[in-house]
Amino acid sequence: MFKFILKIVKKAIIGMILLFGYNTFLSSLNLMIPINIITIIIASLFDVPGIIGLAIFLLVNY
């Protein structure tokens, strides 16, 4: 059980780092994905394809 919780926390931290990196590189283009619980969950579950999906969703709704 402890390993499972540790794995979830590790994936959440990686998702936050991916979102922060995306926001850092594309903030000059004003294409920032807000870092909240929903985007962290999406980034944690789907990793890089999740970030790409969030970016496409941002561009479609921009």
PDB file of N, CA and C in Angstrom:
ATOM      1  N   MET A   1       0.827  -1.197   0.000  1.00  0.00           N
ATOM      2  CA  MET A   1       0.000   0.000   0.000  1.00  0.00           C
ATOM      3  C   MET A   1       0.870   1.259   0.000  1.00  0.00           C
ATOM      4  N   PHE A   2       1.944   1.234   0.792  1.00  0.00           N
ATOM      5  CA  PHE A   2       2.819   2.399   0.866  1.00  0.00           C
ATOM      6  C   PHE A   2       3.508   2.648  -0.473  1.00  0.00           C
ATOM      7  N   LYS A   3       3.882   1.571  -1.171  1.00  0.00           N
ATOM      8  CA  LYS A   3       4.527   1.729  -2.477  1.00  0.00           C
ATOM      9  C   LYS A   3       3.564   2.344  -3.489  1.00  0.00           C
ATOM     10  N   PHE A   4       2.292   1.965  -3.404  1.00  0.00           N
ATOM     11  CA  PHE A   4       1.285   2.514  -4.304  1.00  0.00           C
ATOM     12  C   PHE A   4       1.112   4.018  -4.080  1.00  0.00           C
ATOM     13  N   ILE A   5       1.029   4.438  -2.827  1.00  0.00           N
ATOM     14  CA  ILE A   5       0.890   5.864  -2.508  1.00  0.00           C
ATOM     15  C   ILE A   5       2.134   6.629  -2.946  1.00  0.00           C
ATOM     16  N   LEU A   6       3.296   6.038  -2.721  1.00  0.00           N
ATOM     17  CA  LEU A   6       4.551   6.672  -3.129  1.00  0.00           C
ATOM     18  C   LEU A   6       4.619   6.823  -4.647  1.00  0.00           C
ATOM     19  N   LYS A   7       4.114   5.821  -5.381  1.00  0.00           N
ATOM     20  CA  LYS A   7       4.090   5.894  -6.834  1.00  0.00           C
ATOM     21  C   LYS A   7       3.164   7.009  -7.318  1.00  0.00           C
ATOM     22  N   ILE A   8       2.010   7.170  -6.688  1.00  0.00           N
ATOM     23  CA  ILE A   8       1.071   8.228  -7.062  1.00  0.00           C
ATOM     24  C   ILE A   8       1.672   9.604  -6.782  1.00  0.00           C
ATOM     25  N   VAL A   9       2.308   9.763  -5.635  1.00  0.00           N
ATOM     26  CA  VAL A   9       2.929  11.049  -5.289  1.00  0.00           C
ATOM     27  C   VAL A   9       4.057  11.367  -6.263  1.00  0.00           C
ATOM     28  N   LYS A  10       4.842  10.349  -6.625  1.00  0.00           N
ATOM     29  CA  LYS A  10       5.939  10.558  -7.566  1.00  0.00           C
ATOM     30  C   LYS A  10       5.418  10.993  -8.932  1.00  0.00           C
ATOM     31  N   LYS A  11       4.346  10.359  -9.418  1.00  0.00           N
ATOM     32  CA  LYS A  11       3.768  10.741 -10.706  1.00  0.00           C
ATOM     33  C   LYS A  11       3.173  12.146 -10.651  1.00  0.00           C
ATOM     34  N   ALA A  12       2.583  12.533  -9.506  1.00  0.00           N
ATOM     35  CA  ALA A  12       2.031  13.878  -9.362  1.00  0.00           C
ATOM     36  C   ALA A  12       3.142  14.923  -9.404  1.00  0.00           C
ATOM     37  N   ILE A  13       4.255  14.637  -8.762  1.00  0.00           N
ATOM     38  CA  ILE A  13       5.384  15.571  -8.771  1.00  0.00           C
ATOM     39  C   ILE A  13       5.953  15.695 -10.182  1.00  0.00           C
ATOM     40  N   ILE A  14       6.062  14.585 -10.896  1.00  0.00           N
ATOM     41  CA  ILE A  14       6.543  14.634 -12.281  1.00  0.00           C
ATOM     42  C   ILE A  14       5.583  15.437 -13.150  1.00  0.00           C
ATOM     43  N   GLY A  15       4.283  15.269 -12.934  1.00  0.00           N
ATOM     44  CA  GLY A  15       3.287  16.052 -13.675  1.00  0.00           C
ATOM     45  C   GLY A  15       3.414  17.538 -13.407  1.00  0.00           C
ATOM     46  N   MET A  16       3.651  17.908 -12.150  1.00  0.00           N
ATOM     47  CA  MET A  16       3.832  19.328 -11.823  1.00  0.00           C
ATOM     48  C   MET A  16       5.092  19.882 -12.473  1.00  0.00           C
ATOM     49  N   ILE A  17       6.158  19.093 -12.489  1.00  0.00           N
ATOM     50  CA  ILE A  17       7.402  19.539 -13.122  1.00  0.00           C
ATOM     51  C   ILE A  17       7.204  19.725 -14.624  1.00  0.00           C
ATOM     52  N   LEU A  18       6.468  18.798 -15.257  1.00  0.00           N
ATOM     53  CA  LEU A  18       6.187  18.941 -16.689  1.00  0.00           C
ATOM     54  C   LEU A  18       5.369  20.198 -16.968  1.00  0.00           C
ATOM     55  N   LEU A  19       4.349  20.452 -16.152  1.00  0.00           N
ATOM     56  CA  LEU A  19       3.542  21.662 -16.340  1.00  0.00           C
ATOM     57  C   LEU A  19       4.364  22.921 -16.121  1.00  0.00           C
ATOM     58  N   PHE A  20       5.216  22.910 -15.097  1.00  0.00           N
ATOM     59  CA  PHE A  20       6.052  24.074 -14.823  1.00  0.00           C
ATOM     60  C   PHE A  20       7.026  24.325 -15.971  1.00  0.00           C
ATOM     61  N   GLY A  21       7.613  23.248 -16.505  1.00  0.00           N
ATOM     62  CA  GLY A  21       8.527  23.388 -17.640  1.00  0.00           C
ATOM     63  C   GLY A  21       7.825  23.921 -18.872  1.00  0.00           C
ATOM     64  N   TYR A  22       6.625  23.414 -19.141  1.00  0.00           N
ATOM     65  CA  TYR A  22       5.841  23.911 -20.276  1.00  0.00           C
ATOM     66  C   TYR A  22       5.553  25.394 -20.099  1.00  0.00           C
ATOM     67  N   ASN A  23       5.100  25.775 -18.906  1.00  0.00           N
ATOM     68  CA  ASN A  23       4.778  27.185 -18.653  1.00  0.00           C
ATOM     69  C   ASN A  23       6.016  28.070 -18.734  1.00  0.00           C
ATOM     70  N   THR A  24       7.153  27.562 -18.305  1.00  0.00           N
ATOM     71  CA  THR A  24       8.382  28.345 -18.364  1.00  0.00           C
ATOM     72  C   THR A  24       8.794  28.624 -19.804  1.00  0.00           C
ATOM     73  N   PHE A  25       8.729  27.612 -20.650  1.00  0.00           N
ATOM     74  CA  PHE A  25       9.184  27.782 -22.028  1.00  0.00           C
ATOM     75  C   PHE A  25       8.196  28.545 -22.892  1.00  0.00           C
ATOM     76  N   LEU A  26       6.912  28.419 -22.646  1.00  0.00           N
ATOM     77  CA  LEU A  26       5.938  29.052 -23.529  1.00  0.00           C
ATOM     78  C   LEU A  26       5.225  30.246 -22.891  1.00  0.00           C
ATOM     79  N   SER A  27       5.753  30.759 -21.796  1.00  0.00           N
ATOM     80  CA  SER A  27       5.133  31.933 -21.186  1.00  0.00           C
ATOM     81  C   SER A  27       5.330  33.179 -22.056  1.00  0.00           C
ATOM     82  N   SER A  28       6.394  33.208 -22.846  1.00  0.00           N
ATOM     83  CA  SER A  28       6.617  34.362 -23.718  1.00  0.00           C
ATOM     84  C   SER A  28       5.567  34.435 -24.824  1.00  0.00           C
ATOM     85  N   LEU A  29       4.958  33.308 -25.179  1.00  0.00           N
ATOM     86  CA  LEU A  29       3.904  33.284 -26.190  1.00  0.00           C
ATOM     87  C   LEU A  29       2.515  33.396 -25.573  1.00  0.00           C
ATOM     88  N   ASN A  30       2.468  33.575 -24.266  1.00  0.00           N
ATOM     89  CA  ASN A  30       1.215  33.701 -23.516  1.00  0.00           C
ATOM     90  C   ASN A  30       0.350  32.444 -23.657  1.00  0.00           C
ATOM     91  N   LEU A  31       0.988  31.276 -23.687  1.00  0.00           N
ATOM     92  CA  LEU A  31       0.293  29.996 -23.766  1.00  0.00           C
ATOM     93  C   LEU A  31       0.548  29.206 -22.481  1.00  0.00           C
ATOM     94  N   MET A  32      -0.009  29.670 -21.388  1.00  0.00           N
ATOM     95  CA  MET A  32       0.244  29.049 -20.102  1.00  0.00           C
ATOM     96  C   MET A  32      -0.937  28.172 -19.685  1.00  0.00           C
ATOM     97  N   ILE A  33      -0.622  26.976 -19.225  1.00  0.00           N
ATOM     98  CA  ILE A  33      -1.620  26.061 -18.678  1.00  0.00           C
ATOM     99  C   ILE A  33      -1.632  26.287 -17.162  1.00  0.00           C
ATOM    100  N   PRO A  34      -2.785  26.604 -16.583  1.00  0.00           N
ATOM    101  CA  PRO A  34      -2.814  26.823 -15.133  1.00  0.00           C
ATOM    102  C   PRO A  34      -2.482  25.531 -14.386  1.00  0.00           C
ATOM    103  N   ILE A  35      -1.721  25.672 -13.320  1.00  0.00           N
ATOM    104  CA  ILE A  35      -1.361  24.511 -12.512  1.00  0.00           C
ATOM    105  C   ILE A  35      -2.385  24.391 -11.393  1.00  0.00           C
ATOM    106  N   ASN A  36      -3.349  23.494 -11.594  1.00  0.00           N
ATOM    107  CA  ASN A  36      -4.344  23.209 -10.566  1.00  0.00           C
ATOM    108  C   ASN A  36      -4.520  21.698 -10.476  1.00  0.00           C
ATOM    109  N   ILE A  37      -5.427  21.247  -9.647  1.00  0.00           N
ATOM    110  CA  ILE A  37      -5.550  19.812  -9.381  1.00  0.00           C
ATOM    111  C   ILE A  37      -5.966  19.034 -10.626  1.00  0.00           C
ATOM    112  N   ILE A  38      -6.816  19.607 -11.468  1.00  0.00           N
ATOM    113  CA  ILE A  38      -7.275  18.909 -12.670  1.00  0.00           C
ATOM    114  C   ILE A  38      -6.125  18.724 -13.662  1.00  0.00           C
ATOM    115  N   THR A  39      -5.368  19.784 -13.912  1.00  0.00           N
ATOM    116  CA  THR A  39      -4.265  19.676 -14.872  1.00  0.00           C
ATOM    117  C   THR A  39      -3.152  18.785 -14.332  1.00  0.00           C
ATOM    118  N   ILE A  40      -2.936  18.791 -13.021  1.00  0.00           N
ATOM    119  CA  ILE A  40      -1.928  17.904 -12.430  1.00  0.00           C
ATOM    120  C   ILE A  40      -2.352  16.448 -12.585  1.00  0.00           C
ATOM    121  N   ILE A  41      -3.637  16.164 -12.388  1.00  0.00           N
ATOM    122  CA  ILE A  41      -4.122  14.791 -12.558  1.00  0.00           C
ATOM    123  C   ILE A  41      -3.957  14.341 -14.006  1.00  0.00           C
ATOM    124  N   ILE A  42      -4.305  15.210 -14.953  1.00  0.00           N
ATOM    125  CA  ILE A  42      -4.165  14.857 -16.374  1.00  0.00           C
ATOM    126  C   ILE A  42      -2.695  14.645 -16.727  1.00  0.00           C
ATOM    127  N   ALA A  43      -1.833  15.526 -16.262  1.00  0.00           N
ATOM    128  CA  ALA A  43      -0.406  15.392 -16.549  1.00  0.00           C
ATOM    129  C   ALA A  43       0.185  14.164 -15.855  1.00  0.00           C
ATOM    130  N   SER A  44      -0.330  13.807 -14.688  1.00  0.00           N
ATOM    131  CA  SER A  44       0.173  12.638 -13.977  1.00  0.00           C
ATOM    132  C   SER A  44      -0.254  11.341 -14.649  1.00  0.00           C
ATOM    133  N   LEU A  45      -1.489  11.295 -15.110  1.00  0.00           N
ATOM    134  CA  LEU A  45      -1.988  10.069 -15.717  1.00  0.00           C
ATOM    135  C   LEU A  45      -1.415   9.828 -17.107  1.00  0.00           C
ATOM    136  N   PHE A  46      -1.265  10.883 -17.905  1.00  0.00           N
ATOM    137  CA  PHE A  46      -0.900  10.722 -19.312  1.00  0.00           C
ATOM    138  C   PHE A  46       0.486  11.246 -19.663  1.00  0.00           C
ATOM    139  N   ASP A  47       1.214  11.805 -18.711  1.00  0.00           N
ATOM    140  CA  ASP A  47       2.573  12.320 -18.915  1.00  0.00           C
ATOM    141  C   ASP A  47       2.635  13.301 -20.084  1.00  0.00           C
ATOM    142  N   VAL A  48       3.570  13.117 -21.014  1.00  0.00           N
ATOM    143  CA  VAL A  48       3.778  14.074 -22.107  1.00  0.00           C
ATOM    144  C   VAL A  48       2.569  14.164 -23.044  1.00  0.00           C
ATOM    145  N   PRO A  49       1.918  13.052 -23.414  1.00  0.00           N
ATOM    146  CA  PRO A  49       0.716  13.200 -24.245  1.00  0.00           C
ATOM    147  C   PRO A  49      -0.394  13.997 -23.542  1.00  0.00           C
ATOM    148  N   GLY A  50      -0.457  13.922 -22.230  1.00  0.00           N
ATOM    149  CA  GLY A  50      -1.427  14.719 -21.491  1.00  0.00           C
ATOM    150  C   GLY A  50      -1.128  16.204 -21.580  1.00  0.00           C
ATOM    151  N   ILE A  51       0.143  16.560 -21.501  1.00  0.00           N
ATOM    152  CA  ILE A  51       0.548  17.964 -21.640  1.00  0.00           C
ATOM    153  C   ILE A  51       0.229  18.457 -23.050  1.00  0.00           C
ATOM    154  N   ILE A  52       0.509  17.620 -24.039  1.00  0.00           N
ATOM    155  CA  ILE A  52       0.208  17.998 -25.423  1.00  0.00           C
ATOM    156  C   ILE A  52      -1.297  18.166 -25.604  1.00  0.00           C
ATOM    157  N   GLY A  53      -2.077  17.278 -25.019  1.00  0.00           N
ATOM    158  CA  GLY A  53      -3.531  17.395 -25.092  1.00  0.00           C
ATOM    159  C   GLY A  53      -4.039  18.653 -24.426  1.00  0.00           C
ATOM    160  N   LEU A  54      -3.477  18.997 -23.266  1.00  0.00           N
ATOM    161  CA  LEU A  54      -3.864  20.240 -22.593  1.00  0.00           C
ATOM    162  C   LEU A  54      -3.485  21.453 -23.431  1.00  0.00           C
ATOM    163  N   ALA A  55      -2.330  21.410 -24.085  1.00  0.00           N
ATOM    164  CA  ALA A  55      -1.902  22.527 -24.929  1.00  0.00           C
ATOM    165  C   ALA A  55      -2.826  22.671 -26.135  1.00  0.00           C
ATOM    166  N   ILE A  56      -3.211  21.553 -26.736  1.00  0.00           N
ATOM    167  CA  ILE A  56      -4.140  21.625 -27.873  1.00  0.00           C
ATOM    168  C   ILE A  56      -5.496  22.162 -27.416  1.00  0.00           C
ATOM    169  N   PHE A  57      -5.953  21.704 -26.268  1.00  0.00           N
ATOM    170  CA  PHE A  57      -7.209  22.203 -25.718  1.00  0.00           C
ATOM    171  C   PHE A  57      -7.122  23.701 -25.448  1.00  0.00           C
ATOM    172  N   LEU A  58      -5.970  24.173 -24.972  1.00  0.00           N
ATOM    173  CA  LEU A  58      -5.780  25.597 -24.729  1.00  0.00           C
ATOM    174  C   LEU A  58      -5.828  26.380 -26.038  1.00  0.00           C
ATOM    175  N   LEU A  59      -5.173  25.851 -27.078  1.00  0.00           N
ATOM    176  CA  LEU A  59      -5.150  26.552 -28.363  1.00  0.00           C
ATOM    177  C   LEU A  59      -6.519  26.568 -29.028  1.00  0.00           C
ATOM    178  N   VAL A  60      -7.286  25.503 -28.891  1.00  0.00           N
ATOM    179  CA  VAL A  60      -8.614  25.455 -29.505  1.00  0.00           C
ATOM    180  C   VAL A  60      -9.545  26.439 -28.816  1.00  0.00           C
ATOM    181  N   ASN A  61      -9.434  26.579 -27.516  1.00  0.00           N
ATOM    182  CA  ASN A  61     -10.316  27.463 -26.761  1.00  0.00           C
ATOM    183  C   ASN A  61      -9.751  28.865 -26.579  1.00  0.00           C
ATOM    184  N   TYR A  62      -8.650  29.189 -27.211  1.00  0.00           N
ATOM    185  CA  TYR A  62      -8.026  30.501 -27.080  1.00  0.00           C
ATOM    186  C   TYR A  62      -8.659  31.411 -28.034  1.00  0.00           C
TER     187      TYR A  62
END
